[in-house]
Amino acid sequence: MKREDRQLRKELLLMKGDALRLKLALELQQWRGPLAMLGEGAELWRGSSRFKTLLGLAAILIPHARTRALLKSLAKGALVVGALRRLWSRL
């Protein structure tokens, strides 16, 4: 392989790398909006008591005793986890 061929190959690889970086940037830009909205929604549910309320409501409405007991224990567990998280953040 001649020196000119190596130089040309190197330039082509650099151009390919630039093109791939641009493509990745465009793809990331397309996903940033939906991912940000998803993150905000998850933070809203995590930070509020709606999840615990929904678990408690589902435990009341579901007729199966085992499922009801499981949901009640999940709601209690969510309360304990929330209390521990608040306590941990104060330490």
Protein backbone atom coordinates (compact mmCIF):
# COMPACT_ATOMS: atom_id res chain seq x y z
CA MET A 1 0.00 0.00 0.00
CA LYS A 2 1.40 3.36 -1.01
CA ARG A 3 1.72 6.33 1.26
CA GLU A 4 -0.99 8.22 -0.65
CA ASP A 5 -3.37 5.26 -0.27
CA ARG A 6 -2.82 5.16 3.47
CA GLN A 7 -3.38 8.90 3.70
CA LEU A 8 -6.61 8.62 1.70
CA ARG A 9 -7.79 5.70 3.80
CA LYS A 10 -7.09 7.64 6.98
CA GLU A 11 -9.07 10.65 5.71
CA LEU A 12 -11.99 8.40 4.74
CA LEU A 13 -12.03 6.79 8.19
CA LEU A 14 -12.01 10.22 9.84
CA MET A 15 -14.91 11.36 7.64
CA LYS A 16 -16.80 8.17 8.46
CA GLY A 17 -16.28 8.80 12.18
CA ASP A 18 -17.59 12.35 11.82
CA ALA A 19 -20.63 11.13 9.92
CA LEU A 20 -21.37 8.51 12.59
CA ARG A 21 -21.05 11.12 15.35
CA LEU A 22 -23.51 13.39 13.53
CA LYS A 23 -25.93 10.52 13.02
CA LEU A 24 -25.76 9.60 16.71
CA ALA A 25 -26.32 13.22 17.74
CA LEU A 26 -29.42 13.42 15.54
CA GLU A 27 -30.80 10.16 16.92
CA LEU A 28 -30.20 11.29 20.50
CA GLN A 29 -31.92 14.58 19.76
CA GLN A 30 -35.01 12.68 18.57
CA TRP A 31 -35.17 10.70 21.83
CA ARG A 32 -34.39 13.50 24.29
CA GLY A 33 -37.95 14.87 24.35
CA PRO A 34 -39.79 11.62 25.08
CA LEU A 35 -37.13 10.42 27.54
CA ALA A 36 -37.29 13.69 29.46
CA MET A 37 -41.07 13.44 29.66
CA LEU A 38 -40.78 9.83 30.82
CA GLY A 39 -38.32 10.81 33.52
CA GLU A 40 -40.56 13.61 34.76
CA GLY A 41 -43.51 11.24 34.92
CA ALA A 42 -41.56 8.66 36.88
CA GLU A 43 -40.34 11.33 39.28
CA LEU A 44 -43.91 12.55 39.76
CA TRP A 45 -45.12 9.06 40.67
CA ARG A 46 -42.13 8.34 42.86
CA GLY A 47 -42.37 11.59 44.76
CA SER A 48 -46.10 11.57 45.36
CA SER A 49 -48.39 9.35 47.32
CA ARG A 50 -50.51 8.50 44.27
CA PHE A 51 -48.80 5.15 43.84
CA LYS A 52 -49.55 4.20 47.42
CA THR A 53 -53.14 5.38 47.03
CA LEU A 54 -53.58 3.34 43.86
CA LEU A 55 -52.22 0.24 45.56
CA GLY A 56 -54.59 0.74 48.47
CA LEU A 57 -57.56 1.33 46.15
CA ALA A 58 -56.70 -1.74 44.09
CA ALA A 59 -56.48 -3.77 47.29
CA ILE A 60 -60.02 -2.73 48.17
CA LEU A 61 -61.51 -3.29 44.71
CA ILE A 62 -59.94 -6.65 43.78
CA PRO A 63 -62.08 -9.60 44.92
CA HIS A 64 -59.29 -12.20 45.32
CA ALA A 65 -58.12 -12.41 48.93
CA ARG A 66 -54.51 -13.30 48.10
CA THR A 67 -54.14 -10.48 45.62
CA ARG A 68 -55.79 -8.07 48.04
CA ALA A 69 -53.39 -9.09 50.81
CA LEU A 70 -50.42 -8.73 48.47
CA LEU A 71 -51.47 -5.25 47.39
CA LYS A 72 -52.05 -4.19 50.99
CA SER A 73 -48.58 -5.38 51.95
CA LEU A 74 -47.11 -3.56 48.92
CA ALA A 75 -48.86 -0.35 49.98
CA LYS A 76 -47.47 -0.72 53.52
CA GLY A 77 -44.04 -1.46 52.10
CA ALA A 78 -44.23 1.65 49.92
CA LEU A 79 -45.07 3.73 53.01
CA VAL A 80 -42.11 2.26 54.89
CA VAL A 81 -39.75 2.83 51.96
CA GLY A 82 -40.95 6.43 51.64
CA ALA A 83 -40.43 7.06 55.35
CA LEU A 84 -36.97 5.50 55.28
CA ARG A 85 -36.01 7.54 52.23
CA ARG A 86 -37.09 10.78 53.92
CA LEU A 87 -35.21 9.79 57.06
CA TRP A 88 -32.09 8.91 55.05
CA SER A 89 -32.18 12.25 53.19
CA ARG A 90 -32.14 14.11 56.52
CA LEU A 91 -29.06 12.31 57.80
